[in-house]
C-alpha atoms as a PDB file:
ATOM      1  CA  MET A   1      87.505  89.730 -34.917  1.00  0.00           C
ATOM      2  CA  LYS A   2      89.158  93.147 -34.560  1.00  0.00           C
ATOM      3  CA  ARG A   3      89.998  92.408 -30.916  1.00  0.00           C
ATOM      4  CA  LEU A   4      91.603  89.120 -31.863  1.00  0.00           C
ATOM      5  CA  ILE A   5      93.776  90.807 -34.483  1.00  0.00           C
ATOM      6  CA  ALA A   6      94.698  93.582 -32.060  1.00  0.00           C
ATOM      7  CA  SER A   7      95.582  90.986 -29.401  1.00  0.00           C
ATOM      8  CA  ALA A   8      97.720  89.052 -31.875  1.00  0.00           C
ATOM      9  CA  VAL A   9      99.576  92.223 -32.888  1.00  0.00           C
ATOM     10  CA  ILE A  10     100.225  93.206 -29.265  1.00  0.00           C
ATOM     11  CA  LEU A  11     101.374  89.682 -28.397  1.00  0.00           C
ATOM     12  CA  SER A  12     103.702  89.683 -31.397  1.00  0.00           C
ATOM     13  CA  LEU A  13     105.189  93.017 -30.328  1.00  0.00           C
ATOM     14  CA  VAL A  14     105.742  91.808 -26.770  1.00  0.00           C
ATOM     15  CA  LEU A  15     107.373  88.578 -27.979  1.00  0.00           C
ATOM     16  CA  ALA A  16     109.593  90.504 -30.388  1.00  0.00           C
ATOM     17  CA  LEU A  17     110.651  92.858 -27.589  1.00  0.00           C
ATOM     18  CA  CYS A  18     111.452  89.925 -25.295  1.00  0.00           C
ATOM     19  CA  PHE A  19     113.433  88.189 -28.034  1.00  0.00           C
ATOM     20  CA  PHE A  20     115.386  91.373 -28.771  1.00  0.00           C
ATOM     21  CA  GLY A  21     116.031  91.910 -25.052  1.00  0.00           C
ATOM     22  CA  VAL A  22     117.388  88.408 -24.582  1.00  0.00           C
ATOM     23  CA  ARG A  23     119.638  88.726 -27.633  1.00  0.00           C
ATOM     24  CA  TYR A  24     120.863  92.139 -26.510  1.00  0.00           C
ATOM     25  CA  ALA A  25     121.628  90.988 -22.964  1.00  0.00           C
ATOM     26  CA  THR A  26     123.327  87.788 -24.167  1.00  0.00           C
ATOM     27  CA  ASN A  27     125.407  89.761 -26.652  1.00  0.00           C
ATOM     28  CA  ALA A  28     126.387  92.225 -23.904  1.00  0.00           C
ATOM     29  CA  TYR A  29     127.379  89.323 -21.649  1.00  0.00           C
ATOM     30  CA  GLU A  30     129.597  87.808 -24.336  1.00  0.00           C
ATOM     31  CA  ILE A  31     131.325  91.062 -25.297  1.00  0.00           C
ATOM     32  CA  ILE A  32     131.977  92.169 -21.712  1.00  0.00           C
ATOM     33  CA  THR A  33     133.198  88.731 -20.662  1.00  0.00           C
ATOM     34  CA  ASP A  34     135.551  88.632 -23.659  1.00  0.00           C
ATOM     35  CA  GLU A  35     137.016  92.018 -22.702  1.00  0.00           C
ATOM     36  CA  LEU A  36     137.546  90.896 -19.111  1.00  0.00           C
ATOM     37  CA  SER A  37     139.183  87.676 -20.324  1.00  0.00           C
ATOM     38  CA  LEU A  38     141.543  89.666 -22.528  1.00  0.00           C
ATOM     39  CA  GLY A  39     142.370  91.843 -19.528  1.00  0.00           C
ATOM     40  CA  GLU A  40     143.196  88.712 -17.523  1.00  0.00           C
ATOM     41  CA  GLU A  41     145.427  87.355 -20.274  1.00  0.00           C
ATOM     42  CA  TYR A  42     147.371  90.612 -20.575  1.00  0.00           C
ATOM     43  CA  MET A  43     147.685  90.849 -16.804  1.00  0.00           C
ATOM     44  CA  LYS A  44     149.169  87.346 -16.652  1.00  0.00           C
ATOM     45  CA  LYS A  45     151.669  88.358 -19.354  1.00  0.00           C
ATOM     46  CA  GLY A  46     152.634  91.476 -17.400  1.00  0.00           C
ATOM     47  CA  GLU A  47     151.175  93.932 -19.906  1.00  0.00           C
ATOM     48  CA  PHE A  48     149.404  96.082 -17.342  1.00  0.00           C
ATOM     49  CA  GLY A  49     148.468  98.946 -19.653  1.00  0.00           C
ATOM     50  CA  LYS A  50     146.673  96.658 -22.093  1.00  0.00           C
ATOM     51  CA  ALA A  51     144.973  94.834 -19.234  1.00  0.00           C
ATOM     52  CA  LYS A  52     143.703  98.130 -17.827  1.00  0.00           C
ATOM     53  CA  LYS A  53     142.530  99.268 -21.272  1.00  0.00           C
ATOM     54  CA  HIS A  54     140.446  96.128 -21.814  1.00  0.00           C
ATOM     55  CA  CYS A  55     138.924  96.302 -18.344  1.00  0.00           C
ATOM     56  CA  GLU A  56     138.019  99.959 -18.824  1.00  0.00           C
ATOM     57  CA  LYS A  57     136.427  99.020 -22.136  1.00  0.00           C
ATOM     58  CA  ALA A  58     134.434  96.277 -20.375  1.00  0.00           C
ATOM     59  CA  GLU A  59     133.280  98.801 -17.773  1.00  0.00           C
ATOM     60  CA  LYS A  60     132.253 101.290 -20.461  1.00  0.00           C
ATOM     61  CA  LEU A  61     130.332  98.617 -22.392  1.00  0.00           C
ATOM     62  CA  TYR A  62     128.586  97.478 -19.238  1.00  0.00           C
ATOM     63  CA  THR A  63     127.617 101.035 -18.315  1.00  0.00           C
ATOM     64  CA  GLU A  64     126.213 101.652 -21.794  1.00  0.00           C
ATOM     65  CA  ARG A  65     124.163  98.457 -21.824  1.00  0.00           C
ATOM     66  CA  GLU A  66     123.105  98.424 -18.190  1.00  0.00           C
ATOM     67  CA  GLN A  67     120.212 100.839 -18.733  1.00  0.00           C
ATOM     68  CA  PHE A  68     118.551  98.613 -21.318  1.00  0.00           C
ATOM     69  CA  MET A  69     119.174  95.436 -19.318  1.00  0.00           C
ATOM     70  CA  ALA A  70     117.498  97.087 -16.330  1.00  0.00           C
ATOM     71  CA  ALA A  71     114.176  96.551 -18.085  1.00  0.00           C
ATOM     72  CA  PHE A  72     114.717  92.800 -17.835  1.00  0.00           C
ATOM     73  CA  VAL A  73     116.816  92.301 -14.696  1.00  0.00           C
ATOM     74  CA  ASN A  74     116.708  93.401 -11.056  1.00  0.00           C
ATOM     75  CA  HIS A  75     118.476  96.757 -10.617  1.00  0.00           C
ATOM     76  CA  GLY A  76     120.271  95.641  -7.450  1.00  0.00           C
ATOM     77  CA  ILE A  77     121.972  92.775  -9.243  1.00  0.00           C
ATOM     78  CA  LEU A  78     123.033  95.059 -12.084  1.00  0.00           C
ATOM     79  CA  ASP A  79     124.442  97.601  -9.603  1.00  0.00           C
ATOM     80  CA  GLU A  80     126.504  94.928  -7.818  1.00  0.00           C
ATOM     81  CA  ILE A  81     127.934  93.657 -11.083  1.00  0.00           C
ATOM     82  CA  GLY A  82     128.676  97.209 -12.207  1.00  0.00           C
ATOM     83  CA  GLN A  83     130.576  97.927  -8.985  1.00  0.00           C
ATOM     84  CA  THR A  84     132.587  94.738  -9.362  1.00  0.00           C
ATOM     85  CA  ILE A  85     133.508  95.519 -12.969  1.00  0.00           C
ATOM     86  CA  ALA A  86     134.371  99.114 -12.046  1.00  0.00           C
ATOM     87  CA  GLY A  87     136.800  97.870  -9.399  1.00  0.00           C
ATOM     88  CA  VAL A  88     138.821  95.725 -11.789  1.00  0.00           C
ATOM     89  CA  ALA A  89     140.621  98.338 -13.926  1.00  0.00           C
ATOM     90  CA  PRO A  90     142.187 100.297 -11.030  1.00  0.00           C
ATOM     91  CA  LEU A  91     143.899  97.077  -9.898  1.00  0.00           C
ATOM     92  CA  ALA A  92     145.838  96.700 -13.176  1.00  0.00           C
ATOM     93  CA  ASP A  93     149.246  97.147 -11.597  1.00  0.00           C
ATOM     94  CA  LYS A  94     152.206  94.845 -11.004  1.00  0.00           C
ATOM     95  CA  ASP A  95     151.676  94.990  -7.237  1.00  0.00           C
ATOM     96  CA  THR A  96     148.030  93.886  -7.364  1.00  0.00           C
ATOM     97  CA  VAL A  97     148.045  90.954  -9.792  1.00  0.00           C
ATOM     98  CA  PRO A  98     146.317  88.453  -7.441  1.00  0.00           C
ATOM     99  CA  GLU A  99     143.644  90.959  -6.455  1.00  0.00           C
ATOM    100  CA  PHE A 100     143.090  91.911 -10.092  1.00  0.00           C
ATOM    101  CA  LEU A 101     142.708  88.299 -11.204  1.00  0.00           C
ATOM    102  CA  SER A 102     140.413  87.519  -8.280  1.00  0.00           C
ATOM    103  CA  LEU A 103     138.110  90.482  -8.899  1.00  0.00           C
ATOM    104  CA  CYS A 104     138.116  89.899 -12.645  1.00  0.00           C
ATOM    105  CA  SER A 105     137.104  86.290 -12.072  1.00  0.00           C
ATOM    106  CA  GLU A 106     134.399  87.441  -9.659  1.00  0.00           C
ATOM    107  CA  ALA A 107     133.039  89.850 -12.284  1.00  0.00           C
ATOM    108  CA  LYS A 108     132.917  87.118 -14.926  1.00  0.00           C
ATOM    109  CA  ILE A 109     131.166  84.747 -12.529  1.00  0.00           C
ATOM    110  CA  ALA A 110     128.608  87.457 -11.687  1.00  0.00           C
ATOM    111  CA  LEU A 111     127.982  88.054 -15.396  1.00  0.00           C
ATOM    112  CA  THR A 112     127.574  84.319 -15.967  1.00  0.00           C
ATOM    113  CA  HIS A 113     125.147  84.153 -13.046  1.00  0.00           C
ATOM    114  CA  LEU A 114     123.220  87.080 -14.527  1.00  0.00           C
ATOM    115  CA  ARG A 115     122.969  85.384 -17.898  1.00  0.00           C
ATOM    116  CA  ASN A 116     122.068  81.947 -16.546  1.00  0.00           C
ATOM    117  CA  ASP A 117     119.623  82.900 -13.822  1.00  0.00           C
ATOM    118  CA  HIS A 118     118.111  86.300 -14.505  1.00  0.00           C
ATOM    119  CA  ILE A 119     117.718  86.647 -18.238  1.00  0.00           C
ATOM    120  CA  PHE A 120     114.518  85.209 -19.635  1.00  0.00           C
ATOM    121  CA  LEU A 121     115.472  81.975 -21.338  1.00  0.00           C
ATOM    122  CA  ILE A 122     113.337  78.877 -21.849  1.00  0.00           C
ATOM    123  CA  GLY A 123     115.740  76.853 -19.707  1.00  0.00           C
ATOM    124  CA  ASN A 124     115.252  79.274 -16.793  1.00  0.00           C
ATOM    125  CA  LEU A 125     111.536  78.565 -16.679  1.00  0.00           C
ATOM    126  CA  PHE A 126     111.876  74.931 -15.670  1.00  0.00           C
END
């Protein structure tokens, strides 16, 4: 009986950790994507300083949360996304609007791909 209780406790801890990891990664995805979207909006309006600020904030948030997400996701994928996000902010200039918007869109697509394909969700199992 003691083994059964111990097994149930360990299983509960593992499930709680997985649930927390999924929530954390999904929350990170939403916050970072929102910051990149704000950067895009400001870039389209010609407010380059604000666009750069939001993209730098997205990069900082990603860097902070990347270490925890590495427990759940392939490191190579996280590195590629990090490099893409890091390349967005330096392009916040009036001469590089198309490149900025393209790279920002690429970063958001990569984050969406990460969330949909690599984070443990019930829908990803089937």
